[in-house]
Protein backbone atom coordinates (compact mmCIF):
# COMPACT_ATOMS: atom_id res chain seq x y z
CA MET A 1 -25.54 2.70 130.28
CA SER A 2 -24.86 0.24 127.49
CA ALA A 3 -25.87 0.38 123.64
CA GLU A 4 -28.56 -1.72 122.60
CA ARG A 5 -27.35 -4.59 120.20
CA PRO A 6 -29.64 -4.99 117.25
CA ALA A 7 -31.73 -8.02 117.34
CA ALA A 8 -30.59 -11.31 115.57
CA PRO A 9 -32.84 -11.32 112.25
CA VAL A 10 -35.59 -13.90 112.52
CA LEU A 11 -36.01 -16.41 109.80
CA ARG A 12 -39.25 -16.78 108.61
CA PRO A 13 -40.19 -20.71 108.48
CA SER A 14 -41.61 -20.13 104.80
CA LEU A 15 -38.24 -18.98 103.93
CA VAL A 16 -36.17 -21.60 105.60
CA LEU A 17 -38.35 -24.03 103.77
CA PHE A 18 -37.37 -23.03 100.78
CA VAL A 19 -33.78 -22.48 100.90
CA ALA A 20 -33.65 -26.33 101.56
CA LEU A 21 -35.67 -27.33 99.17
CA VAL A 22 -33.52 -25.32 96.54
CA VAL A 23 -30.16 -26.69 98.14
CA GLY A 24 -31.66 -30.26 97.93
CA VAL A 25 -32.49 -30.16 94.26
CA SER A 26 -29.26 -28.99 93.37
CA GLY A 27 -27.60 -31.65 95.02
CA ALA A 28 -29.84 -34.22 94.08
CA SER A 29 -29.32 -33.12 90.36
CA CYS A 30 -25.57 -33.01 90.82
CA ALA A 31 -25.30 -36.48 92.15
CA LYS A 32 -27.45 -37.81 89.27
CA ARG A 33 -25.21 -36.19 86.49
CA PRO A 34 -23.41 -39.09 84.05
CA ALA A 35 -19.87 -39.10 84.06
CA LEU A 36 -18.20 -38.08 80.95
CA LEU A 37 -16.40 -40.79 79.08
CA GLN A 38 -13.66 -39.87 76.71
CA ALA A 39 -14.72 -41.69 73.13
CA SER A 40 -11.74 -42.82 70.87
CA ALA A 41 -12.65 -41.29 67.15
CA PRO A 42 -13.85 -43.46 64.40
CA ALA A 43 -11.07 -44.70 61.74
CA PRO A 44 -11.49 -42.54 58.90
CA SER A 45 -13.40 -43.85 55.72
CA GLY A 46 -11.01 -46.14 54.06
CA ALA A 47 -7.87 -46.20 56.54
CA ALA A 48 -6.82 -49.49 56.87
CA VAL A 49 -7.21 -51.19 60.23
CA ALA A 50 -4.18 -53.48 61.26
CA PRO A 51 -5.44 -57.00 61.86
CA PRO A 52 -4.62 -58.59 65.13
CA PRO A 53 -1.11 -60.53 65.56
CA VAL A 54 -1.75 -64.23 64.36
CA PRO A 55 -0.33 -66.59 67.06
CA ALA A 56 2.89 -68.13 65.93
CA ALA A 57 2.14 -72.39 65.03
CA PRO A 58 2.93 -74.40 68.22
CA PRO A 59 6.17 -76.40 67.21
CA ARG A 60 5.68 -80.10 65.66
CA PRO A 61 6.33 -82.78 68.32
CA ALA A 62 9.47 -84.67 67.53
CA PRO A 63 8.95 -88.48 65.90
CA PRO A 64 9.13 -90.63 68.77
CA ALA A 65 12.11 -92.88 69.25
CA GLU A 66 12.28 -96.19 67.96
CA GLN A 67 10.89 -98.76 70.78
CA PRO A 68 12.97 -102.11 71.43
CA GLY A 69 11.19 -104.74 69.13
CA ALA A 70 9.56 -102.40 66.71
CA ALA A 71 9.09 -103.82 63.34
CA PRO A 72 11.56 -102.73 61.21
CA VAL A 73 10.56 -100.33 58.28
CA PRO A 74 10.18 -102.40 55.02
CA THR A 75 12.83 -102.37 52.22
CA PRO A 76 11.41 -101.15 48.97
CA ALA A 77 11.39 -104.02 46.00
CA PRO A 78 13.92 -103.71 43.69
CA LEU A 79 12.77 -102.06 40.66
CA ALA A 80 11.94 -104.37 37.46
CA GLN A 81 14.51 -105.39 35.02
CA PRO A 82 14.92 -102.49 32.24
CA PRO A 83 13.34 -103.27 28.91
CA ALA A 84 15.40 -105.17 26.60
CA THR A 85 17.38 -102.91 23.78
CA PRO A 86 16.71 -104.13 20.22
CA LYS A 87 20.17 -105.22 19.67
CA GLU A 88 19.18 -108.19 22.00
CA PHE A 89 16.36 -109.35 19.63
CA ALA A 90 16.78 -111.28 16.50
CA ALA A 91 14.43 -111.82 13.09
CA PHE A 92 13.36 -115.02 12.44
CA ALA A 93 12.23 -116.70 8.82
CA GLU A 94 8.59 -117.07 10.30
CA LEU A 95 8.18 -113.81 11.21
CA ARG A 96 7.30 -111.98 7.75
CA ASP A 97 6.58 -107.95 7.17
CA VAL A 98 3.84 -106.24 6.53
CA HIS A 99 4.07 -103.34 4.60
CA PHE A 100 2.06 -100.17 3.90
CA ASP A 101 0.70 -97.88 1.50
CA PHE A 102 2.21 -94.15 1.07
CA ASP A 103 1.87 -91.99 3.99
CA ARG A 104 -0.65 -94.63 5.76
CA TYR A 105 -0.45 -96.74 8.69
CA ASP A 106 -3.62 -98.80 8.57
CA ILE A 107 -3.23 -102.73 7.69
CA ARG A 108 -3.94 -103.48 4.20
CA ALA A 109 -6.75 -106.06 3.10
CA ARG A 110 -3.94 -108.58 2.05
CA ASP A 111 -1.75 -108.38 5.04
CA PRO A 112 -4.14 -109.96 7.57
CA GLU A 113 -3.32 -113.08 6.72
CA ILE A 114 0.70 -112.52 7.17
CA LEU A 115 -0.30 -111.29 10.61
CA ARG A 116 -2.52 -114.16 11.62
CA GLY A 117 0.73 -116.28 10.61
CA ASN A 118 2.78 -114.45 13.02
CA ALA A 119 0.18 -114.54 15.76
CA LYS A 120 0.01 -118.21 15.54
CA TRP A 121 4.30 -118.33 15.60
CA LEU A 122 4.24 -116.13 18.49
CA SER A 123 1.36 -118.15 20.44
CA ASP A 124 3.21 -121.36 19.87
CA HIS A 125 6.63 -119.68 21.20
CA ALA A 126 4.70 -117.95 24.55
CA ASP A 127 8.49 -117.87 26.00
CA HIS A 128 9.72 -115.16 23.04
CA LEU A 129 9.13 -111.25 23.86
CA VAL A 130 8.37 -109.53 20.62
CA LEU A 131 9.67 -106.39 19.17
CA ILE A 132 7.86 -104.35 16.28
CA GLU A 133 9.93 -101.87 14.26
CA GLY A 134 8.11 -98.95 12.24
CA HIS A 135 9.68 -98.10 9.05
CA ARG A 136 9.00 -95.49 6.39
CA ASP A 137 10.41 -94.45 2.95
CA GLU A 138 12.50 -91.06 2.93
CA ARG A 139 10.34 -88.79 1.90
CA GLY A 140 9.08 -86.16 4.23
CA THR A 141 10.76 -84.93 7.46
CA ASN A 142 12.52 -86.90 10.20
CA GLU A 143 9.93 -86.43 12.73
CA TYR A 144 7.19 -87.24 10.56
CA ASN A 145 8.47 -90.05 9.49
CA LEU A 146 9.38 -91.24 12.92
CA ALA A 147 5.70 -90.73 13.84
CA LEU A 148 4.06 -92.44 11.32
CA GLY A 149 6.73 -95.29 11.60
CA GLU A 150 5.62 -95.51 15.22
CA ARG A 151 1.75 -95.55 14.10
CA ARG A 152 2.38 -98.76 12.04
CA ALA A 153 4.21 -100.21 15.03
CA LYS A 154 1.12 -99.60 16.88
CA ALA A 155 -0.97 -100.67 14.21
CA THR A 156 0.65 -103.88 13.78
CA MET A 157 0.37 -104.36 17.70
CA THR A 158 -3.10 -103.94 17.89
CA PHE A 159 -3.68 -106.57 15.52
CA LEU A 160 -1.43 -109.57 17.21
CA VAL A 161 -3.08 -108.27 20.58
CA ALA A 162 -6.62 -109.09 19.14
CA GLN A 163 -4.93 -112.24 17.65
CA GLY A 164 -4.57 -113.24 21.52
CA ILE A 165 -0.81 -112.12 22.01
CA LYS A 166 -0.58 -110.53 25.29
CA ALA A 167 0.51 -106.96 24.98
CA ASP A 168 3.12 -107.07 27.86
CA ARG A 169 5.28 -109.15 25.56
CA ILE A 170 5.60 -106.85 22.95
CA SER A 171 7.95 -103.56 22.59
CA LEU A 172 7.87 -100.77 19.75
CA VAL A 173 10.33 -98.92 18.00
CA SER A 174 10.28 -96.25 15.38
CA TYR A 175 13.43 -95.83 13.02
CA GLY A 176 11.53 -93.75 10.37
CA GLU A 177 13.70 -93.55 7.33
CA GLU A 178 16.94 -94.36 9.04
CA ARG A 179 17.08 -98.39 8.29
CA PRO A 180 15.93 -98.63 4.42
CA LEU A 181 15.90 -102.00 2.76
CA CYS A 182 16.32 -100.32 -0.40
CA THR A 183 17.90 -97.18 -1.40
CA GLU A 184 16.79 -96.54 -5.26
CA GLN A 185 14.95 -93.48 -5.68
CA LYS A 186 11.72 -95.13 -6.94
CA GLU A 187 8.52 -96.28 -5.68
CA SER A 188 8.94 -100.02 -5.84
CA CYS A 189 12.22 -99.55 -3.44
CA TRP A 190 10.31 -97.06 -1.52
CA SER A 191 7.57 -99.49 -1.29
CA GLN A 192 9.82 -102.10 0.43
CA ASN A 193 10.69 -99.45 2.99
CA ARG A 194 7.17 -98.74 4.44
CA ARG A 195 6.88 -101.92 6.64
CA ALA A 196 6.54 -103.30 10.11
CA HIS A 197 9.52 -105.70 11.09
CA LEU A 198 9.16 -108.26 13.79
CA LEU A 199 11.67 -109.75 15.85
CA VAL A 200 12.13 -111.84 18.94
CA LYS A 201 14.19 -112.79 22.06
CA PRO A 202 13.74 -115.58 24.53
CA ARG A 203 12.38 -114.11 28.12
């Protein structure tokens, strides 16, 4: 007579249902768990961040080749003739000098009549260019004397232009103390050197 096998355990329905619920809830929670992403750590405060690379500039296109029959590039006009040099001008007896007080460049009260006579001659000889020389006596530095001689020449030019002489006919030069009329060391001589001298030449 064989030994009797033990009977298999009988699972109660309530226990089976409980196990099924536990397994189902555990599986569902595992399925819904999000995946972890590895985030890069932020740059420390004050750390320089390399800028993105700047794209290289595109190469310039080559200029188009000259087409047959295209209009030629105009040739620049020749430069105007250089201004005449002082040695090309000459003095005329009809053009009189005007003189200036010491260290001054304004036209004196007695000289407008002289300048109006000069303007009349220049108007009658409109084909002549004019050079106004500014002069000074020997006292003072060379730089100061040259500047004062230039102001005297400009004051004379301003008066002539007001009388109708075109400014583009007039050139100026300052000699300061370099070309005195008189070389004596006294006021009567110095007063002759403080002057504006007019010269002309044909165009």
